[in-house]
Amino acid sequence: PDHAEVTLADGRTIRSEIVLYAAGRSGNLGSLGLDMVGIEADSRGRIKVDPQTFQTSAPNIYATGDVIGFPSLASTSMEQGRVAACHAFGVALPPPPETFPYGIYAVPEISTVGQSEEQVRESGIAYEVGVARFRETSRGHIMGVNSGFLKLLFSVDTRRLLGAHIVGEGATELIHIGQAVINLGGTVDFFVNNTFNYPTLAEAYKIAGLDAWNRMGQG
């Protein structure tokens, strides 16, 4: 066959030319002798830590990054290291934000922050979607970008941004606007009422915000 079809639990069918199967990774801890110092790991070789301090089951030993598993990102690993070092030296830190971005440096780039549409649907939150295609922006026209899009998810009741998802040119850079708005409790009105530099791909946020605003019956 020239395509693959996947049927989801809710009955929807996704048709695609390619299927990517990602099985994850297992830690290579066998030769480290961690059991000799009382450090615990799970069945996939991920060291167990306190998620707030990154202390292992041996209080004087910390672990961060890929060796503790999800999310296994360079950005979060560096932040985990900073938190662990500060805790080891008794430096107080505010609690970290719950939301951080993911980036896939493929062609095209893919980046996401906050909840996915599936997560929002499962939570039972009434939500609305705003979508902008990069070709709808002036910068997209100038660059000849014919593909790529931004999708924003908003709570209908609170109007707050729940998730931002981008596929296309500069996705891993553009995602930080969505990250800031989510962590600051921003709403759809931020995108509707603010002016973005022209011409930029960031204007897609305003287009998507207006799209959701209209769908929410505010237009």
Protein backbone atom coordinates (compact mmCIF):
# COMPACT_ATOMS: atom_id res chain seq x y z
CA PRO A 1 0.00 0.00 0.00
CA ASP A 2 1.07 3.61 -0.58
CA HIS A 3 -0.20 4.79 2.80
CA ALA A 4 -0.89 3.74 6.38
CA GLU A 5 -4.07 4.24 8.37
CA VAL A 6 -4.33 4.40 12.15
CA THR A 7 -7.67 4.32 13.96
CA LEU A 8 -7.65 6.14 17.30
CA ALA A 9 -9.56 5.14 20.40
CA ASP A 10 -12.21 7.79 19.74
CA GLY A 11 -12.90 6.37 16.29
CA ARG A 12 -11.06 8.97 14.24
CA THR A 13 -8.81 7.69 11.44
CA ILE A 14 -5.47 9.25 10.51
CA ARG A 15 -4.08 8.51 7.07
CA SER A 16 -0.37 9.08 6.38
CA GLU A 17 2.32 8.22 3.86
CA ILE A 18 4.87 7.42 6.57
CA VAL A 19 4.68 5.97 10.10
CA LEU A 20 7.38 6.79 12.65
CA TYR A 21 7.61 4.36 15.56
CA ALA A 22 9.53 5.73 18.56
CA ALA A 23 10.17 3.14 21.26
CA GLY A 24 12.30 5.26 23.58
CA ARG A 25 15.67 4.50 25.12
CA SER A 26 17.02 2.37 27.97
CA GLY A 27 19.75 3.53 30.32
CA ASN A 28 23.17 1.86 30.28
CA LEU A 29 23.77 1.70 34.03
CA GLY A 30 24.89 -1.89 34.49
CA SER A 31 28.60 -1.16 35.01
CA LEU A 32 28.21 1.83 37.35
CA GLY A 33 27.61 -0.14 40.54
CA LEU A 34 24.79 2.15 41.63
CA ASP A 35 23.35 -0.50 43.93
CA MET A 36 26.54 -0.31 46.01
CA VAL A 37 25.70 3.26 47.02
CA GLY A 38 21.96 2.69 47.31
CA ILE A 39 20.84 4.44 44.12
CA GLU A 40 17.66 3.04 42.60
CA ALA A 41 16.76 2.76 38.91
CA ASP A 42 13.64 1.51 37.16
CA SER A 43 13.29 -1.34 34.66
CA ARG A 44 14.36 0.91 31.75
CA GLY A 45 17.55 2.01 33.47
CA ARG A 46 16.32 5.45 34.55
CA ILE A 47 17.60 6.71 37.88
CA LYS A 48 14.88 7.63 40.36
CA VAL A 49 15.12 11.18 41.72
CA ASP A 50 13.14 13.71 43.72
CA PRO A 51 11.56 15.80 40.91
CA GLN A 52 11.96 19.00 42.95
CA THR A 53 15.63 18.64 43.92
CA PHE A 54 16.95 15.84 41.65
CA GLN A 55 18.42 14.01 44.64
CA THR A 56 18.70 10.28 44.18
CA SER A 57 17.90 7.77 46.91
CA ALA A 58 21.45 8.52 48.12
CA PRO A 59 20.91 12.10 49.43
CA ASN A 60 24.45 13.27 48.63
CA ILE A 61 24.21 12.19 44.97
CA TYR A 62 22.16 14.00 42.34
CA ALA A 63 21.18 12.94 38.81
CA THR A 64 19.89 15.05 35.93
CA GLY A 65 19.41 14.82 32.18
CA ASP A 66 18.92 11.75 30.01
CA VAL A 67 19.84 9.37 32.83
CA ILE A 68 16.59 10.18 34.68
CA GLY A 69 14.39 9.84 31.60
CA PHE A 70 11.61 12.12 30.40
CA PRO A 71 11.81 14.68 28.92
CA SER A 72 15.50 14.09 28.00
CA LEU A 73 15.94 17.50 26.40
CA ALA A 74 19.17 19.52 26.44
CA SER A 75 17.25 22.59 27.64
CA THR A 76 15.55 20.85 30.56
CA SER A 77 18.71 18.92 31.43
CA MET A 78 20.68 22.15 31.89
CA GLU A 79 17.93 23.59 34.05
CA GLN A 80 17.80 20.39 36.11
CA GLY A 81 21.55 20.69 36.67
CA ARG A 82 21.14 24.28 37.88
CA VAL A 83 18.37 23.28 40.29
CA ALA A 84 20.42 20.34 41.62
CA ALA A 85 23.52 22.50 42.14
CA CYS A 86 21.54 25.20 43.93
CA HIS A 87 19.92 22.62 46.20
CA ALA A 88 23.27 21.02 46.98
CA PHE A 89 24.65 24.41 48.08
CA GLY A 90 21.51 25.50 49.92
CA VAL A 91 20.49 28.21 47.45
CA ALA A 92 16.72 28.74 47.47
CA LEU A 93 14.92 28.76 44.12
CA PRO A 94 11.29 29.48 43.20
CA PRO A 95 9.33 26.49 41.91
CA PRO A 96 9.95 25.89 38.20
CA PRO A 97 7.17 26.53 35.66
CA GLU A 98 5.11 23.46 34.87
CA THR A 99 5.21 24.14 31.13
CA PHE A 100 8.26 23.98 28.88
CA PRO A 101 8.64 23.61 25.12
CA TYR A 102 9.65 20.59 23.06
CA GLY A 103 11.52 20.99 19.78
CA ILE A 104 12.15 18.54 16.96
CA TYR A 105 14.83 19.80 14.59
CA ALA A 106 13.55 18.04 11.52
CA VAL A 107 12.52 19.41 8.13
CA PRO A 108 10.11 20.97 8.78
CA GLU A 109 10.78 21.91 12.39
CA ILE A 110 8.17 20.88 14.95
CA SER A 111 7.67 22.48 18.35
CA THR A 112 5.00 22.30 21.02
CA VAL A 113 4.27 23.69 24.48
CA GLY A 114 1.42 23.10 26.90
CA GLN A 115 -1.43 20.65 26.39
CA SER A 116 -2.16 18.79 23.19
CA GLU A 117 -5.67 18.81 21.76
CA GLU A 118 -6.04 15.19 22.84
CA GLN A 119 -5.11 16.09 26.44
CA VAL A 120 -7.53 19.01 26.49
CA ARG A 121 -10.32 16.83 25.10
CA GLU A 122 -9.68 14.10 27.68
CA SER A 123 -9.72 16.65 30.52
CA GLY A 124 -13.25 17.67 29.61
CA ILE A 125 -12.37 21.36 29.24
CA ALA A 126 -14.51 23.27 26.76
CA TYR A 127 -11.99 24.62 24.27
CA GLU A 128 -11.62 26.34 20.95
CA VAL A 129 -8.88 26.17 18.33
CA GLY A 130 -7.24 28.95 16.36
CA VAL A 131 -5.11 28.12 13.33
CA ALA A 132 -2.79 30.25 11.19
CA ARG A 133 -0.93 29.06 8.12
CA PHE A 134 2.46 30.59 7.48
CA ARG A 135 1.48 31.40 3.92
CA GLU A 136 -1.12 33.78 5.39
CA THR A 137 1.62 36.02 6.84
CA SER A 138 3.45 38.68 4.86
CA ARG A 139 6.79 37.18 5.89
CA GLY A 140 5.62 33.84 4.58
CA HIS A 141 4.89 35.44 1.21
CA ILE A 142 8.30 37.13 1.13
CA MET A 143 10.14 33.92 2.06
CA GLY A 144 8.09 31.79 -0.29
CA VAL A 145 6.91 29.61 2.58
CA ASN A 146 4.00 27.55 1.27
CA SER A 147 3.70 25.13 4.17
CA GLY A 148 3.69 25.31 7.94
CA PHE A 149 1.09 26.32 10.50
CA LEU A 150 0.48 27.41 14.08
CA LYS A 151 -2.34 25.97 16.20
CA LEU A 152 -3.46 27.52 19.49
CA LEU A 153 -5.82 25.92 22.02
CA PHE A 154 -7.89 28.14 24.33
CA SER A 155 -10.26 27.45 27.22
CA VAL A 156 -13.73 28.74 26.34
CA ASP A 157 -14.51 29.51 30.00
CA THR A 158 -11.29 31.25 31.09
CA ARG A 159 -10.08 32.26 27.61
CA ARG A 160 -6.57 31.20 28.69
CA LEU A 161 -4.07 29.68 26.27
CA LEU A 162 -3.75 25.95 26.98
CA GLY A 163 -1.34 24.84 24.26
CA ALA A 164 0.60 26.01 21.22
CA HIS A 165 1.77 23.75 18.40
CA ILE A 166 3.87 24.73 15.40
CA VAL A 167 5.06 22.88 12.32
CA GLY A 168 7.24 24.76 9.86
CA GLU A 169 9.94 27.37 9.40
CA GLY A 170 11.40 28.62 12.71
CA ALA A 171 9.01 26.58 14.86
CA THR A 172 11.52 26.09 17.68
CA GLU A 173 12.05 29.87 17.90
CA LEU A 174 8.42 30.93 17.56
CA ILE A 175 7.22 28.54 20.28
CA HIS A 176 8.63 30.73 23.05
CA ILE A 177 5.88 33.32 22.56
CA GLY A 178 3.33 30.64 23.36
CA GLN A 179 5.44 29.42 26.29
CA ALA A 180 5.52 32.89 27.87
CA VAL A 181 1.78 33.45 27.44
CA ILE A 182 0.91 30.04 28.93
CA ASN A 183 3.20 30.42 31.95
CA LEU A 184 1.90 33.95 32.63
CA GLY A 185 -1.73 32.87 32.40
CA GLY A 186 -2.41 34.87 29.23
CA THR A 187 -5.61 34.69 27.21
CA VAL A 188 -6.75 34.93 23.61
CA ASP A 189 -7.10 38.68 24.14
CA PHE A 190 -3.31 39.04 24.33
CA PHE A 191 -2.97 37.94 20.73
CA VAL A 192 -5.97 39.92 19.50
CA ASN A 193 -5.04 43.20 21.20
CA ASN A 194 -1.26 43.27 20.69
CA THR A 195 0.70 44.36 17.63
CA PHE A 196 3.43 42.10 16.23
CA ASN A 197 6.40 43.18 14.14
CA TYR A 198 5.71 43.33 10.40
CA PRO A 199 6.66 41.37 8.42
CA THR A 200 7.36 38.38 10.68
CA LEU A 201 6.18 34.81 11.01
CA ALA A 202 5.26 35.75 14.60
CA GLU A 203 2.21 37.49 13.12
CA ALA A 204 0.79 33.98 12.85
CA TYR A 205 0.00 34.27 16.57
CA LYS A 206 -2.33 37.20 15.92
CA ILE A 207 -3.96 35.42 12.98
CA ALA A 208 -4.52 32.27 15.06
CA GLY A 209 -5.75 34.36 18.00
CA LEU A 210 -8.28 36.14 15.79
CA ASP A 211 -9.37 32.81 14.33
CA ALA A 212 -10.09 31.43 17.82
CA TRP A 213 -11.67 34.72 18.94
CA ASN A 214 -14.14 34.54 16.06
CA ARG A 215 -14.89 30.87 16.74
CA MET A 216 -15.61 31.75 20.38
CA GLY A 217 -18.36 34.08 19.20
CA GLN A 218 -16.46 37.28 19.95
CA GLY A 219 -16.12 38.56 16.38
